[in-house]
Amino acid sequence: MAFPLQNLYDWYRDVIRNPKYRWWIVLGTAAYILMPFDILPDFIPIIGQIDDAVIITLLFTEVSQILIDRVKTKKKTVDGEQVASVDMPVDVQAVSID
């Protein structure tokens, strides 16, 4: 059995990458950060801010990864034709000029 925090992290990553639940998780995370009631209350110095910092870091990491993946896979349209993304090979018929 994996460590419970690892299970929670894996669940969070899976749910936030699901487009159906993505915005619910983002809104829930923002609400948790703004709520005065936390797992570790904020009035405890240093320790109270650790859970908020971890949640904020996790949220920004996952959202930025989603955006990076979207930019990589997006195809641009130029003059009605689709241009291959950077990762895709392009076939070229070269002709030598003498």
Protein backbone atom coordinates (compact mmCIF):
# COMPACT_ATOMS: atom_id res chain seq x y z
CA MET A 1 0.00 0.00 0.00
CA ALA A 2 1.33 3.41 -0.95
CA PHE A 3 1.78 6.26 1.49
CA PRO A 4 -1.59 8.06 2.04
CA LEU A 5 -0.20 11.45 0.95
CA GLN A 6 0.99 9.90 -2.31
CA ASN A 7 -2.51 8.49 -2.88
CA LEU A 8 -4.02 11.93 -2.24
CA TYR A 9 -1.52 13.55 -4.62
CA ASP A 10 -2.25 10.95 -7.34
CA TRP A 11 -5.99 11.46 -6.92
CA TYR A 12 -5.61 15.24 -7.16
CA ARG A 13 -3.53 14.96 -10.35
CA ASP A 14 -5.98 12.55 -11.97
CA VAL A 15 -9.04 14.64 -11.15
CA ILE A 16 -7.54 17.99 -12.14
CA ARG A 17 -6.50 16.55 -15.52
CA ASN A 18 -10.08 15.40 -16.16
CA PRO A 19 -11.78 18.26 -18.06
CA LYS A 20 -15.14 17.41 -16.50
CA TYR A 21 -13.98 18.12 -12.93
CA ARG A 22 -11.05 20.49 -13.52
CA TRP A 23 -12.75 23.77 -12.60
CA TRP A 24 -14.47 22.24 -9.58
CA ILE A 25 -11.08 21.20 -8.22
CA VAL A 26 -9.53 24.61 -8.96
CA LEU A 27 -12.44 26.40 -7.23
CA GLY A 28 -12.36 23.96 -4.30
CA THR A 29 -8.62 24.49 -3.89
CA ALA A 30 -9.05 28.27 -3.95
CA ALA A 31 -11.86 28.00 -1.37
CA TYR A 32 -9.67 25.81 0.87
CA ILE A 33 -6.85 28.35 0.72
CA LEU A 34 -9.19 31.24 1.58
CA MET A 35 -11.08 29.39 4.35
CA PRO A 36 -10.06 30.14 7.92
CA PHE A 37 -10.50 26.42 8.78
CA ASP A 38 -7.61 24.29 7.54
CA ILE A 39 -6.01 20.98 8.37
CA LEU A 40 -3.31 23.03 10.10
CA PRO A 41 -4.82 26.33 11.35
CA ASP A 42 -3.11 29.47 10.03
CA PHE A 43 -2.76 31.07 13.46
CA ILE A 44 -0.01 28.57 14.30
CA PRO A 45 3.22 30.25 13.14
CA ILE A 46 5.04 28.66 10.19
CA ILE A 47 3.32 25.26 10.51
CA GLY A 48 -0.08 26.84 9.76
CA GLN A 49 1.10 28.15 6.41
CA ILE A 50 2.77 24.90 5.30
CA ASP A 51 -0.44 23.17 4.17
CA ASP A 52 -1.53 26.29 2.25
CA ALA A 53 1.88 26.55 0.58
CA VAL A 54 1.81 22.89 -0.44
CA ILE A 55 -1.72 23.18 -1.88
CA ILE A 56 -0.87 26.40 -3.77
CA THR A 57 2.30 24.82 -5.17
CA LEU A 58 0.44 21.70 -6.25
CA LEU A 59 -2.32 23.75 -7.90
CA PHE A 60 0.09 25.98 -9.84
CA THR A 61 2.23 23.02 -10.88
CA GLU A 62 -0.69 21.04 -12.25
CA VAL A 63 -2.40 23.98 -13.97
CA SER A 64 0.87 25.08 -15.60
CA GLN A 65 1.52 21.50 -16.77
CA ILE A 66 -1.96 21.34 -18.29
CA LEU A 67 -1.35 24.63 -20.11
CA ILE A 68 2.07 23.51 -21.37
CA ASP A 69 0.59 20.26 -22.69
CA ARG A 70 -2.22 22.17 -24.40
CA VAL A 71 0.22 24.53 -26.11
CA LYS A 72 2.39 21.62 -27.29
CA THR A 73 -0.49 19.69 -28.82
CA LYS A 74 -2.36 22.62 -30.34
CA LYS A 75 -2.18 22.91 -34.09
CA LYS A 76 -2.11 26.35 -35.61
CA THR A 77 -4.15 27.22 -38.68
CA VAL A 78 -2.48 29.38 -41.31
CA ASP A 79 -4.46 30.39 -44.43
CA GLY A 80 -6.92 27.54 -43.91
CA GLU A 81 -4.19 24.89 -43.73
CA GLN A 82 -3.09 23.13 -40.59
CA VAL A 83 0.56 23.55 -39.78
CA ALA A 84 2.25 20.69 -37.96
CA SER A 85 3.34 21.38 -34.41
CA VAL A 86 7.03 21.46 -33.47
CA ASP A 87 7.07 17.83 -32.32
CA MET A 88 5.67 16.41 -35.56
CA PRO A 89 7.98 15.50 -38.47
CA VAL A 90 7.47 17.31 -41.77
CA ASP A 91 7.90 15.55 -45.11
CA VAL A 92 9.81 17.64 -47.65
CA GLN A 93 10.49 16.85 -51.31
CA ALA A 94 13.86 18.43 -52.01
CA VAL A 95 15.05 19.19 -55.53
CA SER A 96 18.70 19.80 -56.19
CA ILE A 97 19.63 22.93 -58.10
CA ASP A 98 22.69 22.60 -60.36
